[in-house]
Amino acid sequence: MCLCFFFKVRKLPAVDVDAFCYKKDATYRGTASQTVSGKTCQCWESQAPHEHSRTPENYPYEGLKLNYCRKFDGEVIPWCYTNDLKTRWEYCNIPACKE
């Protein structure tokens, strides 16, 4: 379970709850939050267990909401930081869309 708190109101990019796959040449805005090995993703607003600079404040248009996997421009597969102390980040368990 992700316990992210939003202390200020701001307009976030839309989340696509129907995104069950990712497209090669597009960002991913679905709600998947588990990695290929079954680890739970870390909240983007959290700096624990892994400190990082991919925060909603630094990337306001990337849809960094809760602990959802994301595929940023130029990246190949959606990924996330994990809640596992031994694994900083991992690709997410999301299939590629059929072309």
N, C-alpha and C. Protein backbone atom coordinates (compact mmCIF):
# COMPACT_ATOMS: atom_id res chain seq x y z
N MET A 1 0.84 -1.18 0.00
CA MET A 1 0.00 0.00 0.00
C MET A 1 0.88 1.23 0.00
N CYS A 2 0.50 2.21 -0.77
CA CYS A 2 1.25 3.44 -0.88
C CYS A 2 0.59 4.52 -0.04
N LEU A 3 1.36 5.13 0.81
CA LEU A 3 0.82 6.19 1.65
C LEU A 3 1.44 7.51 1.23
N CYS A 4 1.00 8.02 0.11
CA CYS A 4 1.48 9.31 -0.38
C CYS A 4 0.50 10.38 0.05
N PHE A 5 1.01 11.50 0.45
CA PHE A 5 0.15 12.58 0.87
C PHE A 5 0.40 13.79 -0.03
N PHE A 6 -0.67 14.43 -0.45
CA PHE A 6 -0.57 15.63 -1.26
C PHE A 6 -0.93 16.81 -0.36
N PHE A 7 0.05 17.65 -0.06
CA PHE A 7 -0.16 18.75 0.85
C PHE A 7 -0.64 20.02 0.16
N LYS A 8 -0.56 20.06 -1.14
CA LYS A 8 -1.05 21.21 -1.86
C LYS A 8 -1.86 20.73 -3.05
N VAL A 9 -2.83 21.52 -3.42
CA VAL A 9 -3.68 21.15 -4.55
C VAL A 9 -3.01 21.63 -5.82
N ARG A 10 -2.91 20.73 -6.79
CA ARG A 10 -2.35 21.10 -8.07
C ARG A 10 -2.98 20.22 -9.13
N LYS A 11 -3.00 20.71 -10.34
CA LYS A 11 -3.58 19.95 -11.44
C LYS A 11 -2.54 18.95 -11.94
N LEU A 12 -2.90 17.67 -11.90
CA LEU A 12 -2.00 16.61 -12.35
C LEU A 12 -2.44 16.09 -13.71
N PRO A 13 -1.51 15.60 -14.51
CA PRO A 13 -1.90 14.98 -15.77
C PRO A 13 -2.84 13.81 -15.51
N ALA A 14 -3.70 13.56 -16.47
CA ALA A 14 -4.69 12.50 -16.32
C ALA A 14 -4.04 11.13 -16.18
N VAL A 15 -4.68 10.27 -15.42
CA VAL A 15 -4.27 8.88 -15.28
C VAL A 15 -5.22 8.07 -16.15
N ASP A 16 -4.68 7.16 -16.92
CA ASP A 16 -5.48 6.33 -17.80
C ASP A 16 -5.71 4.98 -17.12
N VAL A 17 -6.86 4.82 -16.47
CA VAL A 17 -7.13 3.58 -15.74
C VAL A 17 -7.34 2.39 -16.67
N ASP A 18 -7.50 2.64 -17.96
CA ASP A 18 -7.69 1.57 -18.94
C ASP A 18 -6.41 1.19 -19.66
N ALA A 19 -5.28 1.72 -19.23
CA ALA A 19 -4.00 1.43 -19.89
C ALA A 19 -3.46 0.10 -19.37
N PHE A 20 -3.71 -0.97 -20.11
CA PHE A 20 -3.25 -2.29 -19.69
C PHE A 20 -1.98 -2.71 -20.42
N CYS A 21 -1.48 -1.82 -21.27
CA CYS A 21 -0.23 -2.08 -21.98
C CYS A 21 0.42 -0.73 -22.27
N TYR A 22 1.67 -0.76 -22.70
CA TYR A 22 2.34 0.50 -23.04
C TYR A 22 2.72 0.49 -24.52
N LYS A 23 2.75 1.68 -25.10
CA LYS A 23 3.10 1.85 -26.50
C LYS A 23 4.55 2.28 -26.61
N LYS A 24 5.21 1.79 -27.65
CA LYS A 24 6.64 2.08 -27.85
C LYS A 24 6.96 3.56 -27.85
N ASP A 25 6.21 4.33 -28.61
CA ASP A 25 6.53 5.74 -28.81
C ASP A 25 5.63 6.68 -28.02
N ALA A 26 5.20 6.24 -26.85
CA ALA A 26 4.32 7.09 -26.04
C ALA A 26 4.66 6.92 -24.56
N THR A 27 4.25 7.90 -23.78
CA THR A 27 4.42 7.79 -22.34
C THR A 27 3.38 6.80 -21.80
N TYR A 28 3.56 6.31 -20.59
CA TYR A 28 2.61 5.41 -19.95
C TYR A 28 1.98 6.13 -18.78
N ARG A 29 0.66 6.18 -18.72
CA ARG A 29 -0.07 6.86 -17.64
C ARG A 29 -1.07 5.95 -16.95
N GLY A 30 -0.81 4.65 -16.96
CA GLY A 30 -1.70 3.69 -16.31
C GLY A 30 -1.51 3.63 -14.81
N THR A 31 -2.14 2.64 -14.19
CA THR A 31 -2.11 2.54 -12.74
C THR A 31 -1.34 1.32 -12.22
N ALA A 32 -0.57 0.67 -13.08
CA ALA A 32 0.25 -0.46 -12.63
C ALA A 32 1.28 0.05 -11.62
N SER A 33 1.53 -0.75 -10.58
CA SER A 33 2.47 -0.32 -9.55
C SER A 33 3.29 -1.50 -9.01
N GLN A 34 3.52 -2.47 -9.87
CA GLN A 34 4.29 -3.65 -9.48
C GLN A 34 5.34 -3.94 -10.56
N THR A 35 6.52 -4.36 -10.11
CA THR A 35 7.62 -4.61 -11.03
C THR A 35 7.58 -6.04 -11.58
N VAL A 36 8.45 -6.31 -12.53
CA VAL A 36 8.49 -7.64 -13.14
C VAL A 36 8.79 -8.74 -12.13
N SER A 37 9.48 -8.43 -11.05
CA SER A 37 9.78 -9.44 -10.04
C SER A 37 8.78 -9.42 -8.88
N GLY A 38 7.73 -8.60 -9.01
CA GLY A 38 6.68 -8.57 -7.99
C GLY A 38 6.87 -7.56 -6.88
N LYS A 39 7.88 -6.69 -7.00
CA LYS A 39 8.10 -5.67 -5.97
C LYS A 39 7.08 -4.53 -6.13
N THR A 40 6.73 -3.91 -5.02
CA THR A 40 5.83 -2.76 -5.04
C THR A 40 6.64 -1.50 -5.33
N CYS A 41 6.07 -0.63 -6.13
CA CYS A 41 6.75 0.62 -6.47
C CYS A 41 6.72 1.60 -5.31
N GLN A 42 7.76 2.41 -5.22
CA GLN A 42 7.86 3.48 -4.23
C GLN A 42 7.07 4.68 -4.74
N CYS A 43 6.45 5.41 -3.85
CA CYS A 43 5.74 6.63 -4.23
C CYS A 43 6.73 7.64 -4.81
N TRP A 44 6.33 8.30 -5.87
CA TRP A 44 7.21 9.29 -6.51
C TRP A 44 7.52 10.45 -5.59
N GLU A 45 6.61 10.80 -4.69
CA GLU A 45 6.85 11.90 -3.76
C GLU A 45 7.73 11.51 -2.59
N SER A 46 7.96 10.22 -2.41
CA SER A 46 8.74 9.74 -1.28
C SER A 46 10.25 9.68 -1.61
N GLN A 47 11.06 9.90 -0.61
CA GLN A 47 12.51 9.78 -0.75
C GLN A 47 13.02 8.57 0.04
N ALA A 48 12.11 7.67 0.38
CA ALA A 48 12.50 6.47 1.11
C ALA A 48 11.75 5.27 0.50
N PRO A 49 12.41 4.19 0.31
CA PRO A 49 13.78 3.91 0.76
C PRO A 49 14.86 4.46 -0.18
N HIS A 50 14.49 4.98 -1.36
CA HIS A 50 15.50 5.46 -2.31
C HIS A 50 15.33 6.95 -2.58
N GLU A 51 16.39 7.72 -2.38
CA GLU A 51 16.37 9.13 -2.72
C GLU A 51 16.52 9.26 -4.23
N HIS A 52 15.82 10.25 -4.80
CA HIS A 52 15.85 10.44 -6.25
C HIS A 52 15.40 11.85 -6.60
N SER A 53 15.60 12.23 -7.86
CA SER A 53 15.20 13.57 -8.31
C SER A 53 13.95 13.54 -9.18
N ARG A 54 13.38 12.37 -9.44
CA ARG A 54 12.17 12.26 -10.28
C ARG A 54 10.93 12.50 -9.41
N THR A 55 10.78 13.72 -8.99
CA THR A 55 9.65 14.09 -8.14
C THR A 55 8.61 14.84 -8.95
N PRO A 56 7.36 14.89 -8.47
CA PRO A 56 6.34 15.66 -9.17
C PRO A 56 6.71 17.14 -9.31
N GLU A 57 7.45 17.66 -8.34
CA GLU A 57 7.87 19.06 -8.42
C GLU A 57 8.89 19.28 -9.54
N ASN A 58 9.80 18.34 -9.71
CA ASN A 58 10.83 18.46 -10.75
C ASN A 58 10.31 18.08 -12.14
N TYR A 59 9.30 17.23 -12.19
CA TYR A 59 8.73 16.76 -13.46
C TYR A 59 7.21 16.89 -13.39
N PRO A 60 6.70 18.12 -13.39
CA PRO A 60 5.26 18.34 -13.16
C PRO A 60 4.33 17.79 -14.24
N TYR A 61 4.83 17.49 -15.42
CA TYR A 61 3.97 17.02 -16.51
C TYR A 61 4.15 15.55 -16.83
N GLU A 62 4.80 14.80 -15.96
CA GLU A 62 5.06 13.38 -16.21
C GLU A 62 4.06 12.44 -15.53
N GLY A 63 3.08 12.99 -14.86
CA GLY A 63 2.07 12.15 -14.23
C GLY A 63 2.59 11.32 -13.08
N LEU A 64 3.50 11.87 -12.30
CA LEU A 64 4.10 11.13 -11.18
C LEU A 64 3.15 11.11 -10.00
N LYS A 65 2.14 10.28 -10.12
CA LYS A 65 1.09 10.19 -9.12
C LYS A 65 1.22 8.88 -8.35
N LEU A 66 1.08 8.97 -7.04
CA LEU A 66 1.16 7.82 -6.15
C LEU A 66 2.40 6.98 -6.46
N ASN A 67 2.24 5.69 -6.65
CA ASN A 67 3.40 4.84 -6.94
C ASN A 67 3.23 4.13 -8.28
N TYR A 68 2.57 4.79 -9.22
CA TYR A 68 2.32 4.20 -10.53
C TYR A 68 3.58 4.16 -11.38
N CYS A 69 3.74 3.09 -12.12
CA CYS A 69 4.86 2.95 -13.06
C CYS A 69 4.76 4.05 -14.11
N ARG A 70 5.90 4.50 -14.60
CA ARG A 70 5.90 5.53 -15.62
C ARG A 70 6.95 5.24 -16.69
N LYS A 71 6.63 5.69 -17.90
CA LYS A 71 7.54 5.60 -19.04
C LYS A 71 7.74 7.02 -19.52
N PHE A 72 8.89 7.55 -19.26
CA PHE A 72 9.19 8.93 -19.63
C PHE A 72 9.58 9.00 -21.10
N ASP A 73 9.53 10.17 -21.67
CA ASP A 73 9.93 10.36 -23.07
C ASP A 73 11.32 9.80 -23.31
N GLY A 74 11.45 9.01 -24.36
CA GLY A 74 12.75 8.46 -24.72
C GLY A 74 13.09 7.15 -24.03
N GLU A 75 12.30 6.74 -23.06
CA GLU A 75 12.57 5.48 -22.39
C GLU A 75 11.79 4.36 -23.07
N VAL A 76 12.28 3.15 -22.91
CA VAL A 76 11.74 2.02 -23.64
C VAL A 76 10.58 1.32 -22.93
N ILE A 77 10.69 1.13 -21.62
CA ILE A 77 9.73 0.34 -20.86
C ILE A 77 9.35 1.11 -19.58
N PRO A 78 8.08 1.05 -19.15
CA PRO A 78 7.71 1.69 -17.89
C PRO A 78 8.49 1.09 -16.72
N TRP A 79 8.81 1.93 -15.73
CA TRP A 79 9.61 1.49 -14.60
C TRP A 79 9.19 2.29 -13.36
N CYS A 80 9.80 1.93 -12.24
CA CYS A 80 9.59 2.68 -11.00
C CYS A 80 10.73 2.39 -10.04
N TYR A 81 10.87 3.27 -9.04
CA TYR A 81 11.74 2.97 -7.91
C TYR A 81 10.97 1.96 -7.07
N THR A 82 11.67 1.08 -6.39
CA THR A 82 10.98 0.05 -5.61
C THR A 82 11.02 0.33 -4.11
N ASN A 83 10.17 -0.34 -3.38
CA ASN A 83 10.18 -0.26 -1.91
C ASN A 83 11.16 -1.24 -1.30
N ASP A 84 11.90 -1.94 -2.13
CA ASP A 84 12.90 -2.91 -1.68
C ASP A 84 14.24 -2.19 -1.49
N LEU A 85 14.80 -2.27 -0.30
CA LEU A 85 16.07 -1.60 0.00
C LEU A 85 17.20 -2.05 -0.92
N LYS A 86 17.16 -3.28 -1.40
CA LYS A 86 18.24 -3.82 -2.23
C LYS A 86 18.06 -3.57 -3.72
N THR A 87 16.89 -3.09 -4.13
CA THR A 87 16.64 -2.85 -5.55
C THR A 87 16.15 -1.42 -5.73
N ARG A 88 17.02 -0.55 -6.27
CA ARG A 88 16.67 0.86 -6.43
C ARG A 88 15.50 1.05 -7.38
N TRP A 89 15.58 0.46 -8.58
CA TRP A 89 14.51 0.59 -9.56
C TRP A 89 14.40 -0.70 -10.35
N GLU A 90 13.27 -0.84 -11.02
CA GLU A 90 13.05 -2.03 -11.83
C GLU A 90 11.97 -1.73 -12.87
N TYR A 91 12.03 -2.45 -13.99
CA TYR A 91 10.99 -2.34 -14.99
C TYR A 91 9.68 -2.89 -14.42
N CYS A 92 8.58 -2.39 -14.92
CA CYS A 92 7.28 -2.80 -14.42
C CYS A 92 6.68 -3.96 -15.20
N ASN A 93 5.77 -4.62 -14.56
CA ASN A 93 5.12 -5.79 -15.11
C ASN A 93 3.93 -5.38 -15.98
N ILE A 94 4.25 -4.76 -17.11
CA ILE A 94 3.23 -4.26 -18.03
C ILE A 94 3.60 -4.75 -19.43
N PRO A 95 2.68 -5.39 -20.13
CA PRO A 95 3.02 -5.85 -21.48
C PRO A 95 3.02 -4.71 -22.49
N ALA A 96 3.78 -4.88 -23.54
CA ALA A 96 3.76 -3.92 -24.65
C ALA A 96 2.47 -4.11 -25.43
N CYS A 97 1.91 -3.02 -25.92
CA CYS A 97 0.70 -3.11 -26.74
C CYS A 97 1.06 -3.74 -28.08
N LYS A 98 0.14 -4.50 -28.61
CA LYS A 98 0.35 -5.10 -29.94
C LYS A 98 0.19 -4.01 -30.99
N GLU A 99 1.12 -3.96 -31.88
CA GLU A 99 1.11 -2.92 -32.93
C GLU A 99 0.06 -3.20 -33.96
